[in-house]
């Protein structure tokens, strides 16, 4: 879990953290991908 109160990665450069955040936002992971595919399939029924 990453809290909003404390810096979760105090020794990490901001650019690296920004890249990680962007990657998480753009790539929803396997569960996210399966969920999106499932919702698309339900819409076409």
PDB file of N, CA and C in Angstrom:
ATOM      1  N   UNK A   1       0.842  -1.162   0.000  1.00  0.00           N
ATOM      2  CA  UNK A   1       0.000   0.000   0.000  1.00  0.00           C
ATOM      3  C   UNK A   1       0.895   1.236   0.000  1.00  0.00           C
ATOM      4  N   UNK A   2       0.517   2.200  -0.799  1.00  0.00           N
ATOM      5  CA  UNK A   2       1.241   3.462  -0.849  1.00  0.00           C
ATOM      6  C   UNK A   2       0.339   4.521  -0.240  1.00  0.00           C
ATOM      7  N   UNK A   3       0.799   5.132   0.833  1.00  0.00           N
ATOM      8  CA  UNK A   3      -0.006   6.159   1.484  1.00  0.00           C
ATOM      9  C   UNK A   3       0.229   7.509   0.833  1.00  0.00           C
ATOM     10  N   UNK A   4      -0.669   8.425   1.099  1.00  0.00           N
ATOM     11  CA  UNK A   4      -0.529   9.775   0.571  1.00  0.00           C
ATOM     12  C   UNK A   4       0.188  10.692   1.555  1.00  0.00           C
ATOM     13  N   UNK A   5       0.384  10.230   2.791  1.00  0.00           N
ATOM     14  CA  UNK A   5       0.996  11.075   3.803  1.00  0.00           C
ATOM     15  C   UNK A   5       2.517  11.085   3.722  1.00  0.00           C
ATOM     16  N   UNK A   6       3.114   9.958   3.472  1.00  0.00           N
ATOM     17  CA  UNK A   6       4.567   9.849   3.472  1.00  0.00           C
ATOM     18  C   UNK A   6       5.072   9.544   2.069  1.00  0.00           C
ATOM     19  N   UNK A   7       6.297   9.963   1.812  1.00  0.00           N
ATOM     20  CA  UNK A   7       6.937   9.638   0.546  1.00  0.00           C
ATOM     21  C   UNK A   7       7.269   8.146   0.575  1.00  0.00           C
ATOM     22  N   UNK A   8       6.649   7.328  -0.292  1.00  0.00           N
ATOM     23  CA  UNK A   8       6.860   5.882  -0.232  1.00  0.00           C
ATOM     24  C   UNK A   8       8.259   5.456  -0.660  1.00  0.00           C
ATOM     25  N   UNK A   9       8.922   6.291  -1.443  1.00  0.00           N
ATOM     26  CA  UNK A   9      10.255   5.968  -1.937  1.00  0.00           C
ATOM     27  C   UNK A   9      11.163   7.173  -1.724  1.00  0.00           C
ATOM     28  N   UNK A  10      11.612   7.400  -0.500  1.00  0.00           N
ATOM     29  CA  UNK A  10      12.355   8.630  -0.198  1.00  0.00           C
ATOM     30  C   UNK A  10      13.671   8.784  -0.955  1.00  0.00           C
ATOM     31  N   UNK A  11      14.301   7.695  -1.356  1.00  0.00           N
ATOM     32  CA  UNK A  11      15.591   7.788  -2.042  1.00  0.00           C
ATOM     33  C   UNK A  11      15.457   7.753  -3.566  1.00  0.00           C
ATOM     34  N   UNK A  12      14.236   7.771  -4.067  1.00  0.00           N
ATOM     35  CA  UNK A  12      14.015   7.673  -5.504  1.00  0.00           C
ATOM     36  C   UNK A  12      13.872   9.072  -6.105  1.00  0.00           C
ATOM     37  N   UNK A  13      14.480   9.258  -7.278  1.00  0.00           N
ATOM     38  CA  UNK A  13      14.344  10.533  -7.979  1.00  0.00           C
ATOM     39  C   UNK A  13      12.903  10.697  -8.455  1.00  0.00           C
ATOM     40  N   UNK A  14      12.427  11.929  -8.483  1.00  0.00           N
ATOM     41  CA  UNK A  14      11.046  12.206  -8.883  1.00  0.00           C
ATOM     42  C   UNK A  14      10.757  11.713 -10.296  1.00  0.00           C
ATOM     43  N   UNK A  15      11.734  11.826 -11.200  1.00  0.00           N
ATOM     44  CA  UNK A  15      11.527  11.396 -12.585  1.00  0.00           C
ATOM     45  C   UNK A  15      11.243   9.901 -12.667  1.00  0.00           C
ATOM     46  N   UNK A  16      11.943   9.128 -11.858  1.00  0.00           N
ATOM     47  CA  UNK A  16      11.743   7.673 -11.850  1.00  0.00           C
ATOM     48  C   UNK A  16      10.354   7.352 -11.310  1.00  0.00           C
ATOM     49  N   UNK A  17       9.963   8.026 -10.227  1.00  0.00           N
ATOM     50  CA  UNK A  17       8.640   7.804  -9.650  1.00  0.00           C
ATOM     51  C   UNK A  17       7.549   8.198 -10.646  1.00  0.00           C
ATOM     52  N   UNK A  18       7.747   9.312 -11.350  1.00  0.00           N
ATOM     53  CA  UNK A  18       6.771   9.747 -12.356  1.00  0.00           C
ATOM     54  C   UNK A  18       6.619   8.705 -13.458  1.00  0.00           C
ATOM     55  N   UNK A  19       7.738   8.109 -13.867  1.00  0.00           N
ATOM     56  CA  UNK A  19       7.697   7.075 -14.907  1.00  0.00           C
ATOM     57  C   UNK A  19       6.928   5.848 -14.424  1.00  0.00           C
ATOM     58  N   UNK A  20       7.156   5.460 -13.178  1.00  0.00           N
ATOM     59  CA  UNK A  20       6.429   4.316 -12.607  1.00  0.00           C
ATOM     60  C   UNK A  20       4.936   4.619 -12.553  1.00  0.00           C
ATOM     61  N   UNK A  21       4.578   5.812 -12.079  1.00  0.00           N
ATOM     62  CA  UNK A  21       3.168   6.193 -11.978  1.00  0.00           C
ATOM     63  C   UNK A  21       2.501   6.200 -13.349  1.00  0.00           C
ATOM     64  N   UNK A  22       3.198   6.713 -14.353  1.00  0.00           N
ATOM     65  CA  UNK A  22       2.655   6.747 -15.714  1.00  0.00           C
ATOM     66  C   UNK A  22       2.456   5.333 -16.255  1.00  0.00           C
ATOM     67  N   UNK A  23       3.418   4.460 -15.988  1.00  0.00           N
ATOM     68  CA  UNK A  23       3.321   3.077 -16.450  1.00  0.00           C
ATOM     69  C   UNK A  23       2.138   2.369 -15.802  1.00  0.00           C
ATOM     70  N   UNK A  24       1.941   2.588 -14.506  1.00  0.00           N
ATOM     71  CA  UNK A  24       0.807   1.975 -13.807  1.00  0.00           C
ATOM     72  C   UNK A  24      -0.506   2.481 -14.392  1.00  0.00           C
ATOM     73  N   UNK A  25      -0.557   3.786 -14.674  1.00  0.00           N
ATOM     74  CA  UNK A  25      -1.781   4.378 -15.213  1.00  0.00           C
ATOM     75  C   UNK A  25      -2.095   3.859 -16.616  1.00  0.00           C
ATOM     76  N   UNK A  26      -1.080   3.696 -17.448  1.00  0.00           N
ATOM     77  CA  UNK A  26      -1.287   3.280 -18.837  1.00  0.00           C
ATOM     78  C   UNK A  26      -1.486   1.777 -18.986  1.00  0.00           C
ATOM     79  N   UNK A  27      -0.904   0.998 -18.109  1.00  0.00           N
ATOM     80  CA  UNK A  27      -0.981  -0.462 -18.197  1.00  0.00           C
ATOM     81  C   UNK A  27      -1.705  -0.973 -16.962  1.00  0.00           C
ATOM     82  N   UNK A  28      -2.902  -1.442 -17.161  1.00  0.00           N
ATOM     83  CA  UNK A  28      -3.757  -1.815 -16.042  1.00  0.00           C
ATOM     84  C   UNK A  28      -3.426  -3.182 -15.460  1.00  0.00           C
ATOM     85  N   UNK A  29      -2.427  -3.848 -15.977  1.00  0.00           N
ATOM     86  CA  UNK A  29      -2.083  -5.170 -15.491  1.00  0.00           C
ATOM     87  C   UNK A  29      -3.023  -6.219 -16.062  1.00  0.00           C
ATOM     88  N   UNK A  30      -2.756  -7.447 -15.750  1.00  0.00           N
ATOM     89  CA  UNK A  30      -3.537  -8.553 -16.302  1.00  0.00           C
ATOM     90  C   UNK A  30      -4.992  -8.493 -15.859  1.00  0.00           C
ATOM     91  N   UNK A  31      -5.235  -8.261 -14.572  1.00  0.00           N
ATOM     92  CA  UNK A  31      -6.621  -8.217 -14.101  1.00  0.00           C
ATOM     93  C   UNK A  31      -7.386  -7.071 -14.739  1.00  0.00           C
ATOM     94  N   UNK A  32      -6.740  -5.929 -14.858  1.00  0.00           N
ATOM     95  CA  UNK A  32      -7.391  -4.794 -15.505  1.00  0.00           C
ATOM     96  C   UNK A  32      -7.700  -5.087 -16.961  1.00  0.00           C
ATOM     97  N   UNK A  33      -6.754  -5.716 -17.640  1.00  0.00           N
ATOM     98  CA  UNK A  33      -6.950  -6.062 -19.050  1.00  0.00           C
ATOM     99  C   UNK A  33      -8.108  -7.045 -19.203  1.00  0.00           C
ATOM    100  N   UNK A  34      -8.149  -8.064 -18.345  1.00  0.00           N
ATOM    101  CA  UNK A  34      -9.237  -9.039 -18.415  1.00  0.00           C
ATOM    102  C   UNK A  34     -10.580  -8.389 -18.107  1.00  0.00           C
ATOM    103  N   UNK A  35     -10.597  -7.463 -17.149  1.00  0.00           N
ATOM    104  CA  UNK A  35     -11.827  -6.758 -16.808  1.00  0.00           C
ATOM    105  C   UNK A  35     -12.321  -5.941 -18.000  1.00  0.00           C
ATOM    106  N   UNK A  36     -11.420  -5.198 -18.635  1.00  0.00           N
ATOM    107  CA  UNK A  36     -11.792  -4.380 -19.789  1.00  0.00           C
ATOM    108  C   UNK A  36     -12.322  -5.262 -20.916  1.00  0.00           C
ATOM    109  N   UNK A  37     -11.660  -6.377 -21.182  1.00  0.00           N
ATOM    110  CA  UNK A  37     -12.121  -7.298 -22.226  1.00  0.00           C
ATOM    111  C   UNK A  37     -13.496  -7.866 -21.884  1.00  0.00           C
ATOM    112  N   UNK A  38     -13.717  -8.188 -20.613  1.00  0.00           N
ATOM    113  CA  UNK A  38     -15.002  -8.717 -20.173  1.00  0.00           C
ATOM    114  C   UNK A  38     -16.113  -7.684 -20.369  1.00  0.00           C
ATOM    115  N   UNK A  39     -15.833  -6.439 -20.019  1.00  0.00           N
ATOM    116  CA  UNK A  39     -16.834  -5.385 -20.178  1.00  0.00           C
ATOM    117  C   UNK A  39     -17.143  -5.133 -21.651  1.00  0.00           C
ATOM    118  N   UNK A  40     -16.123  -5.172 -22.491  1.00  0.00           N
ATOM    119  CA  UNK A  40     -16.346  -4.989 -23.927  1.00  0.00           C
ATOM    120  C   UNK A  40     -17.201  -6.123 -24.482  1.00  0.00           C
ATOM    121  N   UNK A  41     -16.957  -7.346 -24.021  1.00  0.00           N
ATOM    122  CA  UNK A  41     -17.727  -8.496 -24.484  1.00  0.00           C
ATOM    123  C   UNK A  41     -19.189  -8.381 -24.045  1.00  0.00           C
ATOM    124  N   UNK A  42     -19.422  -7.895 -22.839  1.00  0.00           N
ATOM    125  CA  UNK A  42     -20.796  -7.739 -22.346  1.00  0.00           C
ATOM    126  C   UNK A  42     -21.546  -6.653 -23.111  1.00  0.00           C
ATOM    127  N   UNK A  43     -20.848  -5.619 -23.528  1.00  0.00           N
ATOM    128  CA  UNK A  43     -21.499  -4.545 -24.285  1.00  0.00           C
ATOM    129  C   UNK A  43     -21.996  -5.038 -25.637  1.00  0.00           C
ATOM    130  N   UNK A  44     -21.286  -5.999 -26.212  1.00  0.00           N
ATOM    131  CA  UNK A  44     -21.656  -6.465 -27.548  1.00  0.00           C
ATOM    132  C   UNK A  44     -22.756  -7.525 -27.523  1.00  0.00           C
ATOM    133  N   UNK A  45     -23.228  -7.906 -26.355  1.00  0.00           N
ATOM    134  CA  UNK A  45     -24.311  -8.914 -26.247  1.00  0.00           C
ATOM    135  C   UNK A  45     -25.649  -8.226 -26.412  1.00  0.00           C
TER     136      UNK A  45
END
